């Protein structure tokens, strides 16, 4: 398991990268992204919805709340990314999938 300092370093890097990717996509697909105090929110007006991505330092995971479900991603040293156990989808891939599902069109992050 990552120590707290490693987790913070990797998490900050991943969250910043995800935030920038979502902001670019938001300009094209008209949704808002805000990174505040380590938590990232994605808000859609049509249809209305809110996704939240947040670090959970005690368990060294990044949690995503989207479509009334929770996804818990672990650090994978082999791929050097936070991934969803079982599918091995990265943080970007999970978010791209759920944003795409919500909008009904393919969004690439």
PDB file of N, CA and C in Angstrom:
ATOM      1  N   UNK A   1       0.848  -1.192   0.000  1.00  0.00           N
ATOM      2  CA  UNK A   1       0.000   0.000   0.000  1.00  0.00           C
ATOM      3  C   UNK A   1       0.887   1.246   0.000  1.00  0.00           C
ATOM      4  N   UNK A   2       0.420   2.265  -0.658  1.00  0.00           N
ATOM      5  CA  UNK A   2       1.131   3.534  -0.694  1.00  0.00           C
ATOM      6  C   UNK A   2       1.169   4.159   0.695  1.00  0.00           C
ATOM      7  N   UNK A   3       2.252   4.871   0.985  1.00  0.00           N
ATOM      8  CA  UNK A   3       2.217   5.655   2.216  1.00  0.00           C
ATOM      9  C   UNK A   3       1.452   6.949   1.912  1.00  0.00           C
ATOM     10  N   UNK A   4       1.157   7.713   2.946  1.00  0.00           N
ATOM     11  CA  UNK A   4       0.310   8.899   2.787  1.00  0.00           C
ATOM     12  C   UNK A   4       0.912   9.926   1.837  1.00  0.00           C
ATOM     13  N   UNK A   5       2.227  10.124   1.927  1.00  0.00           N
ATOM     14  CA  UNK A   5       2.883  11.107   1.062  1.00  0.00           C
ATOM     15  C   UNK A   5       2.832  10.673  -0.404  1.00  0.00           C
ATOM     16  N   UNK A   6       3.079   9.399  -0.672  1.00  0.00           N
ATOM     17  CA  UNK A   6       3.002   8.898  -2.048  1.00  0.00           C
ATOM     18  C   UNK A   6       1.574   9.036  -2.576  1.00  0.00           C
ATOM     19  N   UNK A   7       0.600   8.652  -1.745  1.00  0.00           N
ATOM     20  CA  UNK A   7      -0.795   8.747  -2.162  1.00  0.00           C
ATOM     21  C   UNK A   7      -1.139  10.179  -2.543  1.00  0.00           C
ATOM     22  N   UNK A   8      -0.772  11.123  -1.696  1.00  0.00           N
ATOM     23  CA  UNK A   8      -1.074  12.529  -1.970  1.00  0.00           C
ATOM     24  C   UNK A   8      -0.436  12.985  -3.279  1.00  0.00           C
ATOM     25  N   UNK A   9       0.818  12.608  -3.493  1.00  0.00           N
ATOM     26  CA  UNK A   9       1.518  12.989  -4.718  1.00  0.00           C
ATOM     27  C   UNK A   9       0.819  12.426  -5.953  1.00  0.00           C
ATOM     28  N   UNK A  10       0.551  11.123  -5.958  1.00  0.00           N
ATOM     29  CA  UNK A  10      -0.090  10.489  -7.113  1.00  0.00           C
ATOM     30  C   UNK A  10      -1.520  10.982  -7.300  1.00  0.00           C
ATOM     31  N   UNK A  11      -2.234  11.119  -6.194  1.00  0.00           N
ATOM     32  CA  UNK A  11      -3.618  11.565  -6.261  1.00  0.00           C
ATOM     33  C   UNK A  11      -3.713  12.996  -6.803  1.00  0.00           C
ATOM     34  N   UNK A  12      -2.890  13.895  -6.284  1.00  0.00           N
ATOM     35  CA  UNK A  12      -2.904  15.283  -6.766  1.00  0.00           C
ATOM     36  C   UNK A  12      -2.621  15.340  -8.261  1.00  0.00           C
ATOM     37  N   UNK A  13      -1.659  14.548  -8.705  1.00  0.00           N
ATOM     38  CA  UNK A  13      -1.305  14.526 -10.131  1.00  0.00           C
ATOM     39  C   UNK A  13      -2.476  14.033 -10.975  1.00  0.00           C
ATOM     40  N   UNK A  14      -3.089  12.925 -10.551  1.00  0.00           N
ATOM     41  CA  UNK A  14      -4.206  12.347 -11.303  1.00  0.00           C
ATOM     42  C   UNK A  14      -5.430  13.270 -11.308  1.00  0.00           C
ATOM     43  N   UNK A  15      -5.729  13.861 -10.149  1.00  0.00           N
ATOM     44  CA  UNK A  15      -6.897  14.740 -10.052  1.00  0.00           C
ATOM     45  C   UNK A  15      -6.704  15.996 -10.896  1.00  0.00           C
ATOM     46  N   UNK A  16      -5.499  16.542 -10.917  1.00  0.00           N
ATOM     47  CA  UNK A  16      -5.215  17.720 -11.736  1.00  0.00           C
ATOM     48  C   UNK A  16      -5.360  17.389 -13.216  1.00  0.00           C
ATOM     49  N   UNK A  17      -4.805  16.250 -13.621  1.00  0.00           N
ATOM     50  CA  UNK A  17      -4.890  15.833 -15.019  1.00  0.00           C
ATOM     51  C   UNK A  17      -6.352  15.601 -15.421  1.00  0.00           C
ATOM     52  N   UNK A  18      -7.115  14.918 -14.555  1.00  0.00           N
ATOM     53  CA  UNK A  18      -8.530  14.668 -14.832  1.00  0.00           C
ATOM     54  C   UNK A  18      -9.302  15.980 -14.918  1.00  0.00           C
ATOM     55  N   UNK A  19      -9.030  16.893 -14.007  1.00  0.00           N
ATOM     56  CA  UNK A  19      -9.715  18.180 -14.006  1.00  0.00           C
ATOM     57  C   UNK A  19      -9.495  18.926 -15.316  1.00  0.00           C
ATOM     58  N   UNK A  20      -8.240  18.969 -15.769  1.00  0.00           N
ATOM     59  CA  UNK A  20      -7.950  19.674 -17.027  1.00  0.00           C
ATOM     60  C   UNK A  20      -8.629  18.997 -18.214  1.00  0.00           C
ATOM     61  N   UNK A  21      -8.629  17.658 -18.233  1.00  0.00           N
ATOM     62  CA  UNK A  21      -9.273  16.925 -19.328  1.00  0.00           C
ATOM     63  C   UNK A  21     -10.783  17.175 -19.332  1.00  0.00           C
ATOM     64  N   UNK A  22     -11.393  17.173 -18.154  1.00  0.00           N
ATOM     65  CA  UNK A  22     -12.834  17.418 -18.071  1.00  0.00           C
ATOM     66  C   UNK A  22     -13.183  18.861 -18.423  1.00  0.00           C
ATOM     67  N   UNK A  23     -12.339  19.804 -18.058  1.00  0.00           N
ATOM     68  CA  UNK A  23     -12.609  21.206 -18.413  1.00  0.00           C
ATOM     69  C   UNK A  23     -12.600  21.386 -19.928  1.00  0.00           C
ATOM     70  N   UNK A  24     -11.631  20.750 -20.600  1.00  0.00           N
ATOM     71  CA  UNK A  24     -11.594  20.824 -22.071  1.00  0.00           C
ATOM     72  C   UNK A  24     -12.860  20.206 -22.673  1.00  0.00           C
ATOM     73  N   UNK A  25     -13.239  19.034 -22.177  1.00  0.00           N
ATOM     74  CA  UNK A  25     -14.444  18.369 -22.682  1.00  0.00           C
ATOM     75  C   UNK A  25     -15.690  19.179 -22.353  1.00  0.00           C
ATOM     76  N   UNK A  26     -15.706  19.810 -21.194  1.00  0.00           N
ATOM     77  CA  UNK A  26     -16.854  20.609 -20.781  1.00  0.00           C
ATOM     78  C   UNK A  26     -17.108  21.786 -21.701  1.00  0.00           C
ATOM     79  N   UNK A  27     -16.036  22.338 -22.259  1.00  0.00           N
ATOM     80  CA  UNK A  27     -16.206  23.447 -23.212  1.00  0.00           C
ATOM     81  C   UNK A  27     -16.935  22.967 -24.460  1.00  0.00           C
ATOM     82  N   UNK A  28     -16.611  21.759 -24.892  1.00  0.00           N
ATOM     83  CA  UNK A  28     -17.239  21.214 -26.100  1.00  0.00           C
ATOM     84  C   UNK A  28     -18.649  20.693 -25.833  1.00  0.00           C
ATOM     85  N   UNK A  29     -18.834  20.006 -24.704  1.00  0.00           N
ATOM     86  CA  UNK A  29     -20.105  19.331 -24.430  1.00  0.00           C
ATOM     87  C   UNK A  29     -20.995  20.068 -23.425  1.00  0.00           C
ATOM     88  N   UNK A  30     -20.564  21.240 -22.998  1.00  0.00           N
ATOM     89  CA  UNK A  30     -21.350  22.131 -22.148  1.00  0.00           C
ATOM     90  C   UNK A  30     -21.727  21.522 -20.799  1.00  0.00           C
ATOM     91  N   UNK A  31     -20.704  21.219 -20.008  1.00  0.00           N
ATOM     92  CA  UNK A  31     -20.894  20.863 -18.608  1.00  0.00           C
ATOM     93  C   UNK A  31     -19.806  21.555 -17.805  1.00  0.00           C
ATOM     94  N   UNK A  32     -20.022  21.698 -16.506  1.00  0.00           N
ATOM     95  CA  UNK A  32     -19.096  22.433 -15.645  1.00  0.00           C
ATOM     96  C   UNK A  32     -18.272  21.485 -14.790  1.00  0.00           C
ATOM     97  N   UNK A  33     -17.018  21.851 -14.594  1.00  0.00           N
ATOM     98  CA  UNK A  33     -16.093  21.085 -13.763  1.00  0.00           C
ATOM     99  C   UNK A  33     -15.459  22.036 -12.764  1.00  0.00           C
ATOM    100  N   UNK A  34     -15.360  21.578 -11.502  1.00  0.00           N
ATOM    101  CA  UNK A  34     -14.748  22.392 -10.465  1.00  0.00           C
ATOM    102  C   UNK A  34     -13.909  21.511  -9.553  1.00  0.00           C
ATOM    103  N   UNK A  35     -12.650  21.876  -9.385  1.00  0.00           N
ATOM    104  CA  UNK A  35     -11.750  21.185  -8.459  1.00  0.00           C
ATOM    105  C   UNK A  35     -11.571  22.103  -7.264  1.00  0.00           C
ATOM    106  N   UNK A  36     -12.088  21.665  -6.091  1.00  0.00           N
ATOM    107  CA  UNK A  36     -12.072  22.509  -4.911  1.00  0.00           C
ATOM    108  C   UNK A  36     -11.748  21.656  -3.686  1.00  0.00           C
ATOM    109  N   UNK A  37     -10.707  22.041  -2.962  1.00  0.00           N
ATOM    110  CA  UNK A  37     -10.280  21.319  -1.759  1.00  0.00           C
ATOM    111  C   UNK A  37     -10.065  19.835  -2.014  1.00  0.00           C
ATOM    112  N   UNK A  38      -9.517  19.501  -3.173  1.00  0.00           N
ATOM    113  CA  UNK A  38      -9.189  18.122  -3.495  1.00  0.00           C
ATOM    114  C   UNK A  38     -10.312  17.315  -4.104  1.00  0.00           C
ATOM    115  N   UNK A  39     -11.551  17.814  -4.055  1.00  0.00           N
ATOM    116  CA  UNK A  39     -12.689  17.102  -4.642  1.00  0.00           C
ATOM    117  C   UNK A  39     -13.052  17.743  -5.976  1.00  0.00           C
ATOM    118  N   UNK A  40     -13.394  16.909  -6.922  1.00  0.00           N
ATOM    119  CA  UNK A  40     -13.743  17.354  -8.265  1.00  0.00           C
ATOM    120  C   UNK A  40     -15.227  17.099  -8.496  1.00  0.00           C
ATOM    121  N   UNK A  41     -15.949  18.133  -8.905  1.00  0.00           N
ATOM    122  CA  UNK A  41     -17.357  17.956  -9.240  1.00  0.00           C
ATOM    123  C   UNK A  41     -17.564  18.230 -10.720  1.00  0.00           C
ATOM    124  N   UNK A  42     -18.460  17.461 -11.302  1.00  0.00           N
ATOM    125  CA  UNK A  42     -18.852  17.638 -12.700  1.00  0.00           C
ATOM    126  C   UNK A  42     -20.362  17.793 -12.682  1.00  0.00           C
ATOM    127  N   UNK A  43     -20.849  18.927 -13.180  1.00  0.00           N
ATOM    128  CA  UNK A  43     -22.286  19.200 -13.149  1.00  0.00           C
ATOM    129  C   UNK A  43     -22.829  19.388 -14.557  1.00  0.00           C
ATOM    130  N   UNK A  44     -23.945  18.724 -14.794  1.00  0.00           N
ATOM    131  CA  UNK A  44     -24.622  18.776 -16.080  1.00  0.00           C
ATOM    132  C   UNK A  44     -25.963  19.471 -15.902  1.00  0.00           C
ATOM    133  N   UNK A  45     -26.304  20.333 -16.850  1.00  0.00           N
ATOM    134  CA  UNK A  45     -27.606  20.992 -16.799  1.00  0.00           C
ATOM    135  C   UNK A  45     -28.674  20.142 -17.469  1.00  0.00           C
ATOM    136  N   UNK A  46     -28.331  19.531 -18.615  1.00  0.00           N
ATOM    137  CA  UNK A  46     -29.321  18.778 -19.372  1.00  0.00           C
ATOM    138  C   UNK A  46     -28.759  17.431 -19.776  1.00  0.00           C
ATOM    139  N   UNK A  47     -29.320  16.359 -19.317  1.00  0.00           N
ATOM    140  CA  UNK A  47     -30.191  16.280 -18.149  1.00  0.00           C
ATOM    141  C   UNK A  47     -29.389  16.566 -16.877  1.00  0.00           C
ATOM    142  N   UNK A  48     -30.043  17.088 -15.848  1.00  0.00           N
ATOM    143  CA  UNK A  48     -29.322  17.481 -14.640  1.00  0.00           C
ATOM    144  C   UNK A  48     -28.707  16.284 -13.917  1.00  0.00           C
ATOM    145  N   UNK A  49     -27.453  16.460 -13.512  1.00  0.00           N
ATOM    146  CA  UNK A  49     -26.742  15.428 -12.756  1.00  0.00           C
ATOM    147  C   UNK A  49     -25.472  16.035 -12.185  1.00  0.00           C
ATOM    148  N   UNK A  50     -24.945  15.358 -11.180  1.00  0.00           N
ATOM    149  CA  UNK A  50     -23.690  15.787 -10.569  1.00  0.00           C
ATOM    150  C   UNK A  50     -22.860  14.545 -10.260  1.00  0.00           C
ATOM    151  N   UNK A  51     -21.624  14.530 -10.760  1.00  0.00           N
ATOM    152  CA  UNK A  51     -20.674  13.469 -10.452  1.00  0.00           C
ATOM    153  C   UNK A  51     -19.630  14.062  -9.524  1.00  0.00           C
ATOM    154  N   UNK A  52     -19.130  13.260  -8.591  1.00  0.00           N
ATOM    155  CA  UNK A  52     -18.109  13.719  -7.656  1.00  0.00           C
ATOM    156  C   UNK A  52     -16.953  12.727  -7.657  1.00  0.00           C
ATOM    157  N   UNK A  53     -15.738  13.257  -7.731  1.00  0.00           N
ATOM    158  CA  UNK A  53     -14.522  12.452  -7.659  1.00  0.00           C
ATOM    159  C   UNK A  53     -13.730  12.987  -6.478  1.00  0.00           C
ATOM    160  N   UNK A  54     -13.400  12.103  -5.535  1.00  0.00           N
ATOM    161  CA  UNK A  54     -12.691  12.584  -4.351  1.00  0.00           C
ATOM    162  C   UNK A  54     -11.705  11.543  -3.837  1.00  0.00           C
ATOM    163  N   UNK A  55     -10.588  12.035  -3.300  1.00  0.00           N
ATOM    164  CA  UNK A  55      -9.625  11.117  -2.696  1.00  0.00           C
ATOM    165  C   UNK A  55     -10.114  10.649  -1.337  1.00  0.00           C
ATOM    166  N   UNK A  56      -9.776   9.427  -0.996  1.00  0.00           N
ATOM    167  CA  UNK A  56     -10.056   8.891   0.334  1.00  0.00           C
ATOM    168  C   UNK A  56      -8.717   8.407   0.881  1.00  0.00           C
ATOM    169  N   UNK A  57      -8.007   9.319   1.537  1.00  0.00           N
ATOM    170  CA  UNK A  57      -6.642   9.060   1.991  1.00  0.00           C
ATOM    171  C   UNK A  57      -6.524   7.883   2.963  1.00  0.00           C
ATOM    172  N   UNK A  58      -7.430   7.708   3.930  1.00  0.00           N
ATOM    173  CA  UNK A  58      -7.249   6.602   4.868  1.00  0.00           C
ATOM    174  C   UNK A  58      -7.149   5.223   4.201  1.00  0.00           C
ATOM    175  N   UNK A  59      -7.866   5.034   3.085  1.00  0.00           N
ATOM    176  CA  UNK A  59      -7.813   3.742   2.390  1.00  0.00           C
ATOM    177  C   UNK A  59      -7.015   3.817   1.091  1.00  0.00           C
ATOM    178  N   UNK A  60      -6.425   4.998   0.814  1.00  0.00           N
ATOM    179  CA  UNK A  60      -5.565   5.218  -0.358  1.00  0.00           C
ATOM    180  C   UNK A  60      -6.283   4.908  -1.677  1.00  0.00           C
ATOM    181  N   UNK A  61      -7.506   5.426  -1.792  1.00  0.00           N
ATOM    182  CA  UNK A  61      -8.307   5.225  -2.992  1.00  0.00           C
ATOM    183  C   UNK A  61      -8.834   6.555  -3.498  1.00  0.00           C
ATOM    184  N   UNK A  62      -9.238   6.562  -4.756  1.00  0.00           N
ATOM    185  CA  UNK A  62     -10.015   7.662  -5.318  1.00  0.00           C
ATOM    186  C   UNK A  62     -11.416   7.108  -5.534  1.00  0.00           C
ATOM    187  N   UNK A  63     -12.406   7.842  -5.023  1.00  0.00           N
ATOM    188  CA  UNK A  63     -13.793   7.415  -5.132  1.00  0.00           C
ATOM    189  C   UNK A  63     -14.525   8.286  -6.137  1.00  0.00           C
ATOM    190  N   UNK A  64     -15.361   7.639  -6.933  1.00  0.00           N
ATOM    191  CA  UNK A  64     -16.208   8.335  -7.901  1.00  0.00           C
ATOM    192  C   UNK A  64     -17.656   8.035  -7.561  1.00  0.00           C
ATOM    193  N   UNK A  65     -18.467   9.075  -7.525  1.00  0.00           N
ATOM    194  CA  UNK A  65     -19.905   8.919  -7.370  1.00  0.00           C
ATOM    195  C   UNK A  65     -20.544   9.404  -8.667  1.00  0.00           C
ATOM    196  N   UNK A  66     -21.188   8.467  -9.380  1.00  0.00           N
ATOM    197  CA  UNK A  66     -21.810   8.801 -10.662  1.00  0.00           C
ATOM    198  C   UNK A  66     -22.962   7.834 -10.912  1.00  0.00           C
ATOM    199  N   UNK A  67     -24.033   8.336 -11.460  1.00  0.00           N
ATOM    200  CA  UNK A  67     -25.202   7.509 -11.777  1.00  0.00           C
ATOM    201  C   UNK A  67     -25.688   6.719 -10.560  1.00  0.00           C
ATOM    202  N   UNK A  68     -25.735   7.362  -9.407  1.00  0.00           N
ATOM    203  CA  UNK A  68     -26.199   6.740  -8.156  1.00  0.00           C
ATOM    204  C   UNK A  68     -25.392   5.504  -7.770  1.00  0.00           C
ATOM    205  N   UNK A  69     -24.145   5.460  -8.204  1.00  0.00           N
ATOM    206  CA  UNK A  69     -23.248   4.352  -7.867  1.00  0.00           C
ATOM    207  C   UNK A  69     -21.925   4.914  -7.376  1.00  0.00           C
ATOM    208  N   UNK A  70     -21.190   4.069  -6.684  1.00  0.00           N
ATOM    209  CA  UNK A  70     -19.873   4.453  -6.185  1.00  0.00           C
ATOM    210  C   UNK A  70     -18.820   3.528  -6.782  1.00  0.00           C
ATOM    211  N   UNK A  71     -17.713   4.118  -7.194  1.00  0.00           N
ATOM    212  CA  UNK A  71     -16.606   3.366  -7.771  1.00  0.00           C
ATOM    213  C   UNK A  71     -15.354   3.700  -6.974  1.00  0.00           C
ATOM    214  N   UNK A  72     -14.612   2.676  -6.563  1.00  0.00           N
ATOM    215  CA  UNK A  72     -13.429   2.865  -5.727  1.00  0.00           C
ATOM    216  C   UNK A  72     -12.204   2.380  -6.484  1.00  0.00           C
ATOM    217  N   UNK A  73     -11.321   3.327  -6.799  1.00  0.00           N
ATOM    218  CA  UNK A  73     -10.143   3.019  -7.594  1.00  0.00           C
ATOM    219  C   UNK A  73      -8.904   2.929  -6.720  1.00  0.00           C
ATOM    220  N   UNK A  74      -8.083   1.926  -6.995  1.00  0.00           N
ATOM    221  CA  UNK A  74      -6.841   1.690  -6.259  1.00  0.00           C
ATOM    222  C   UNK A  74      -5.646   2.051  -7.126  1.00  0.00           C
ATOM    223  N   UNK A  75      -4.537   2.391  -6.475  1.00  0.00           N
ATOM    224  CA  UNK A  75      -3.301   2.660  -7.193  1.00  0.00           C
ATOM    225  C   UNK A  75      -2.746   1.344  -7.725  1.00  0.00           C
ATOM    226  N   UNK A  76      -2.409   1.327  -9.009  1.00  0.00           N
ATOM    227  CA  UNK A  76      -1.806   0.160  -9.641  1.00  0.00           C
ATOM    228  C   UNK A  76      -0.390   0.532 -10.051  1.00  0.00           C
ATOM    229  N   UNK A  77       0.624   0.018  -9.345  1.00  0.00           N
ATOM    230  CA  UNK A  77       2.004   0.399  -9.650  1.00  0.00           C
ATOM    231  C   UNK A  77       2.448  -0.023 -11.047  1.00  0.00           C
ATOM    232  N   UNK A  78       1.878  -1.090 -11.553  1.00  0.00           N
ATOM    233  CA  UNK A  78       2.263  -1.561 -12.887  1.00  0.00           C
ATOM    234  C   UNK A  78       1.884  -0.559 -13.971  1.00  0.00           C
ATOM    235  N   UNK A  79       0.662  -0.035 -13.899  1.00  0.00           N
ATOM    236  CA  UNK A  79       0.219   0.944 -14.901  1.00  0.00           C
ATOM    237  C   UNK A  79       0.456   2.375 -14.451  1.00  0.00           C
ATOM    238  N   UNK A  80       0.911   2.546 -13.196  1.00  0.00           N
ATOM    239  CA  UNK A  80       1.157   3.863 -12.617  1.00  0.00           C
ATOM    240  C   UNK A  80      -0.065   4.768 -12.742  1.00  0.00           C
ATOM    241  N   UNK A  81      -1.214   4.208 -12.331  1.00  0.00           N
ATOM    242  CA  UNK A  81      -2.478   4.944 -12.410  1.00  0.00           C
ATOM    243  C   UNK A  81      -3.441   4.371 -11.376  1.00  0.00           C
ATOM    244  N   UNK A  82      -4.452   5.162 -11.041  1.00  0.00           N
ATOM    245  CA  UNK A  82      -5.541   4.652 -10.221  1.00  0.00           C
ATOM    246  C   UNK A  82      -6.475   3.899 -11.155  1.00  0.00           C
ATOM    247  N   UNK A  83      -6.801   2.657 -10.794  1.00  0.00           N
ATOM    248  CA  UNK A  83      -7.616   1.808 -11.660  1.00  0.00           C
ATOM    249  C   UNK A  83      -8.767   1.186 -10.872  1.00  0.00           C
ATOM    250  N   UNK A  84      -9.810   0.825 -11.602  1.00  0.00           N
ATOM    251  CA  UNK A  84     -10.963   0.149 -11.037  1.00  0.00           C
ATOM    252  C   UNK A  84     -10.647  -1.342 -10.971  1.00  0.00           C
ATOM    253  N   UNK A  85     -10.640  -1.926  -9.772  1.00  0.00           N
ATOM    254  CA  UNK A  85     -10.359  -3.365  -9.669  1.00  0.00           C
ATOM    255  C   UNK A  85     -11.329  -4.164 -10.544  1.00  0.00           C
ATOM    256  N   UNK A  86     -10.855  -5.211 -11.099  1.00  0.00           N
ATOM    257  CA  UNK A  86     -11.690  -6.058 -11.953  1.00  0.00           C
ATOM    258  C   UNK A  86     -11.571  -5.670 -13.412  1.00  0.00           C
ATOM    259  N   UNK A  87     -11.887  -4.424 -13.753  1.00  0.00           N
ATOM    260  CA  UNK A  87     -11.831  -3.994 -15.154  1.00  0.00           C
ATOM    261  C   UNK A  87     -10.485  -3.395 -15.530  1.00  0.00           C
ATOM    262  N   UNK A  88      -9.760  -2.901 -14.527  1.00  0.00           N
ATOM    263  CA  UNK A  88      -8.475  -2.214 -14.728  1.00  0.00           C
ATOM    264  C   UNK A  88      -8.621  -0.923 -15.530  1.00  0.00           C
ATOM    265  N   UNK A  89      -9.850  -0.362 -15.599  1.00  0.00           N
ATOM    266  CA  UNK A  89     -10.043   0.936 -16.250  1.00  0.00           C
ATOM    267  C   UNK A  89      -9.375   2.002 -15.397  1.00  0.00           C
ATOM    268  N   UNK A  90      -8.716   2.944 -16.057  1.00  0.00           N
ATOM    269  CA  UNK A  90      -8.088   4.048 -15.344  1.00  0.00           C
ATOM    270  C   UNK A  90      -9.144   5.071 -14.933  1.00  0.00           C
ATOM    271  N   UNK A  91      -8.716   6.002 -14.087  1.00  0.00           N
ATOM    272  CA  UNK A  91      -9.591   7.086 -13.650  1.00  0.00           C
ATOM    273  C   UNK A  91     -10.177   7.822 -14.852  1.00  0.00           C
ATOM    274  N   UNK A  92      -9.351   8.161 -15.823  1.00  0.00           N
ATOM    275  CA  UNK A  92      -9.832   8.863 -17.021  1.00  0.00           C
ATOM    276  C   UNK A  92     -10.841   8.025 -17.790  1.00  0.00           C
ATOM    277  N   UNK A  93     -10.566   6.731 -17.923  1.00  0.00           N
ATOM    278  CA  UNK A  93     -11.460   5.855 -18.679  1.00  0.00           C
ATOM    279  C   UNK A  93     -12.815   5.703 -17.987  1.00  0.00           C
ATOM    280  N   UNK A  94     -12.802   5.561 -16.669  1.00  0.00           N
ATOM    281  CA  UNK A  94     -14.067   5.438 -15.932  1.00  0.00           C
ATOM    282  C   UNK A  94     -14.883   6.719 -16.091  1.00  0.00           C
ATOM    283  N   UNK A  95     -14.230   7.864 -15.923  1.00  0.00           N
ATOM    284  CA  UNK A  95     -14.964   9.126 -16.046  1.00  0.00           C
ATOM    285  C   UNK A  95     -15.448   9.352 -17.474  1.00  0.00           C
ATOM    286  N   UNK A  96     -14.643   9.048 -18.465  1.00  0.00           N
ATOM    287  CA  UNK A  96     -15.064   9.203 -19.866  1.00  0.00           C
ATOM    288  C   UNK A  96     -16.289   8.332 -20.148  1.00  0.00           C
ATOM    289  N   UNK A  97     -16.282   7.126 -19.626  1.00  0.00           N
ATOM    290  CA  UNK A  97     -17.415   6.219 -19.826  1.00  0.00           C
ATOM    291  C   UNK A  97     -18.696   6.798 -19.226  1.00  0.00           C
ATOM    292  N   UNK A  98     -18.621   7.294 -18.001  1.00  0.00           N
ATOM    293  CA  UNK A  98     -19.836   7.777 -17.349  1.00  0.00           C
ATOM    294  C   UNK A  98     -20.305   9.117 -17.894  1.00  0.00           C
ATOM    295  N   UNK A  99     -19.391   9.984 -18.255  1.00  0.00           N
ATOM    296  CA  UNK A  99     -19.785  11.244 -18.899  1.00  0.00           C
ATOM    297  C   UNK A  99     -20.432  10.935 -20.250  1.00  0.00           C
ATOM    298  N   UNK A 100     -19.848  10.017 -21.006  1.00  0.00           N
ATOM    299  CA  UNK A 100     -20.408   9.621 -22.301  1.00  0.00           C
ATOM    300  C   UNK A 100     -21.809   9.035 -22.148  1.00  0.00           C
ATOM    301  N   UNK A 101     -21.976   8.133 -21.166  1.00  0.00           N
ATOM    302  CA  UNK A 101     -23.291   7.551 -20.913  1.00  0.00           C
ATOM    303  C   UNK A 101     -24.314   8.625 -20.572  1.00  0.00           C
ATOM    304  N   UNK A 102     -23.905   9.579 -19.744  1.00  0.00           N
ATOM    305  CA  UNK A 102     -24.843  10.628 -19.341  1.00  0.00           C
ATOM    306  C   UNK A 102     -25.256  11.500 -20.529  1.00  0.00           C
ATOM    307  N   UNK A 103     -24.296  11.847 -21.357  1.00  0.00           N
ATOM    308  CA  UNK A 103     -24.579  12.749 -22.480  1.00  0.00           C
ATOM    309  C   UNK A 103     -25.144  12.028 -23.697  1.00  0.00           C
ATOM    310  N   UNK A 104     -24.972  10.698 -23.745  1.00  0.00           N
ATOM    311  CA  UNK A 104     -25.465   9.946 -24.899  1.00  0.00           C
ATOM    312  C   UNK A 104     -24.612  10.097 -26.128  1.00  0.00           C
ATOM    313  N   UNK A 105     -23.367  10.483 -25.931  1.00  0.00           N
ATOM    314  CA  UNK A 105     -22.417  10.576 -27.044  1.00  0.00           C
ATOM    315  C   UNK A 105     -21.001  10.346 -26.501  1.00  0.00           C
ATOM    316  N   UNK A 106     -20.096   9.961 -27.386  1.00  0.00           N
ATOM    317  CA  UNK A 106     -18.760   9.604 -26.972  1.00  0.00           C
ATOM    318  C   UNK A 106     -17.952  10.835 -26.582  1.00  0.00           C
ATOM    319  N   UNK A 107     -17.422  10.784 -25.360  1.00  0.00           N
ATOM    320  CA  UNK A 107     -16.548  11.843 -24.852  1.00  0.00           C
ATOM    321  C   UNK A 107     -15.205  11.195 -24.556  1.00  0.00           C
ATOM    322  N   UNK A 108     -14.153  11.733 -25.141  1.00  0.00           N
ATOM    323  CA  UNK A 108     -12.805  11.216 -24.920  1.00  0.00           C
ATOM    324  C   UNK A 108     -12.059  12.198 -24.019  1.00  0.00           C
ATOM    325  N   UNK A 109     -11.467  11.660 -22.968  1.00  0.00           N
ATOM    326  CA  UNK A 109     -10.701  12.509 -22.047  1.00  0.00           C
ATOM    327  C   UNK A 109      -9.213  12.256 -22.229  1.00  0.00           C
TER     328      UNK A 109
END
